[in-house]
Protein backbone atom coordinates (compact mmCIF):
# COMPACT_ATOMS: atom_id res chain seq x y z
CA MET A 1 -20.24 -13.80 -9.58
CA LYS A 2 -21.28 -10.28 -10.59
CA SER A 3 -22.64 -9.37 -7.15
CA ILE A 4 -19.57 -10.75 -5.36
CA LEU A 5 -17.18 -8.92 -7.67
CA THR A 6 -19.19 -5.72 -7.29
CA ASP A 7 -19.13 -6.08 -3.51
CA ALA A 8 -15.37 -6.63 -3.55
CA LEU A 9 -14.79 -3.58 -5.73
CA ARG A 10 -17.07 -1.42 -3.60
CA TYR A 11 -15.22 -2.47 -0.47
CA TRP A 12 -11.58 -2.41 -1.58
CA GLU A 13 -11.32 0.42 -4.09
CA PRO A 14 -12.40 3.31 -1.80
CA ARG A 15 -9.90 2.04 0.76
CA ARG A 16 -7.11 2.12 -1.84
CA ILE A 17 -7.18 5.93 -1.54
CA PHE A 18 -6.45 5.74 2.20
CA TYR A 19 -3.83 3.02 1.63
CA ASN A 20 -1.99 5.25 -0.84
CA ALA A 21 -2.40 8.30 1.41
CA ILE A 22 -0.85 6.43 4.35
CA LEU A 23 2.09 5.28 2.22
CA ALA A 24 2.51 8.80 0.82
CA ALA A 25 2.56 10.18 4.37
CA THR A 26 5.29 7.67 5.21
CA VAL A 27 7.44 8.86 2.32
CA ILE A 28 6.75 12.52 3.06
CA GLY A 29 7.69 11.90 6.69
CA TRP A 30 11.02 10.42 5.66
CA VAL A 31 11.74 13.33 3.34
CA ALA A 32 10.76 15.90 5.99
CA LEU A 33 12.78 14.27 8.78
CA THR A 34 15.88 13.72 6.65
CA TRP A 35 15.59 16.79 4.43
CA PRO A 36 19.26 17.69 4.00
CA ALA A 37 19.86 14.35 2.30
CA PHE A 38 17.04 14.86 -0.21
CA ARG A 39 18.52 17.68 -2.24
CA ILE A 40 17.21 18.55 -5.71
CA PRO A 41 19.68 16.42 -7.74
CA HIS A 42 18.78 13.39 -5.63
CA VAL A 43 15.04 14.01 -5.79
CA LEU A 44 15.05 13.96 -9.59
CA ALA A 45 16.97 10.67 -9.62
CA LEU A 46 14.53 9.13 -7.13
CA LEU A 47 11.31 10.07 -8.95
CA ALA A 48 11.55 7.10 -11.32
CA LEU A 49 12.19 4.76 -8.40
CA LEU A 50 9.25 6.25 -6.53
CA ALA A 51 6.97 5.70 -9.54
CA VAL A 52 7.99 2.04 -9.76
CA LEU A 53 7.52 1.53 -6.02
CA THR A 54 4.08 3.16 -6.21
CA MET A 55 3.05 0.74 -8.95
CA LEU A 56 4.36 -2.22 -6.95
CA ALA A 57 2.50 -1.09 -3.83
CA ASN A 58 -0.74 -0.89 -5.79
CA LEU A 59 -0.10 -4.28 -7.37
CA CYS A 60 0.34 -5.72 -3.88
CA TYR A 61 -2.93 -4.09 -2.84
CA CYS A 62 -4.67 -6.13 -5.53
CA ALA A 63 -3.73 -9.29 -3.62
CA ALA A 64 -6.72 -8.55 -1.39
CA TYR A 65 -8.99 -9.70 -4.21
CA ALA A 66 -7.28 -13.11 -4.24
CA VAL A 67 -8.46 -13.57 -0.66
CA ASP A 68 -11.74 -11.65 -0.73
CA ILE A 69 -13.46 -13.27 -3.69
CA PRO A 70 -12.94 -16.91 -2.60
CA MET A 71 -13.96 -16.03 0.96
CA GLN A 72 -17.20 -14.55 -0.34
CA TYR A 73 -17.98 -17.84 -2.07
CA SER A 74 -17.44 -19.76 1.17
CA ASN A 75 -19.85 -20.52 3.98
CA PHE A 76 -18.12 -17.77 5.98
CA GLN A 77 -19.28 -14.94 3.71
CA GLU A 78 -21.10 -12.90 6.37
CA THR A 79 -18.35 -13.36 8.95
CA TRP A 80 -15.76 -12.45 6.33
CA ARG A 81 -17.60 -9.25 5.41
CA ARG A 82 -17.65 -8.18 9.06
CA TRP A 83 -13.93 -8.86 9.58
CA ARG A 84 -12.24 -8.02 6.27
CA TRP A 85 -11.36 -4.58 7.64
CA LEU A 86 -8.76 -6.49 9.66
CA VAL A 87 -7.13 -7.75 6.43
CA TRP A 88 -7.02 -4.17 5.14
CA SER A 89 -5.51 -2.91 8.41
CA CYS A 90 -2.86 -5.63 8.61
CA GLY A 91 -1.99 -5.22 4.94
CA THR A 92 -1.63 -1.47 5.30
CA ILE A 93 0.55 -1.83 8.40
CA PHE A 94 2.70 -4.37 6.56
CA ALA A 95 3.02 -1.98 3.60
CA VAL A 96 4.14 0.85 5.92
CA ILE A 97 6.72 -1.42 7.56
CA LEU A 98 7.96 -2.53 4.15
CA ALA A 99 8.12 1.07 2.91
CA ASN A 100 10.10 2.15 5.98
CA TYR A 101 12.50 -0.75 5.54
CA TRP A 102 12.94 -0.04 1.83
CA ILE A 103 13.60 3.66 2.39
CA ALA A 104 15.97 3.07 5.30
CA ASP A 105 17.88 0.23 3.67
CA GLU A 106 17.82 1.01 -0.05
CA VAL A 107 16.96 4.65 -0.71
CA TYR A 108 18.53 6.57 2.17
CA PRO A 109 22.02 4.99 1.85
CA PHE A 110 21.91 5.84 -1.89
CA LEU A 111 21.66 9.53 -0.96
CA HIS A 112 24.94 9.59 0.96
């Protein structure tokens, strides 16, 4: 168990930095492209929401462990280790799509 958990942590945690950077770039892109709507009074009101959404995004990232650890106990361990980058990629793309939807549907209309 210790070696599998260590392997999972060594794989997923360095990639969390890139996951968060990609999501941050998404938010920064929205702010840059729609700057007149994000005036100072609105930015202060949205910081708490942004903090909550950041925590939720990182909680969702932890779902990778629910898949990774059982797969490492299976007979497909070596195949899984070669292809788990695909799970990271799909999860990150899904998170970007979800972030864009949330900003476009929930946050941006709040600003007007």
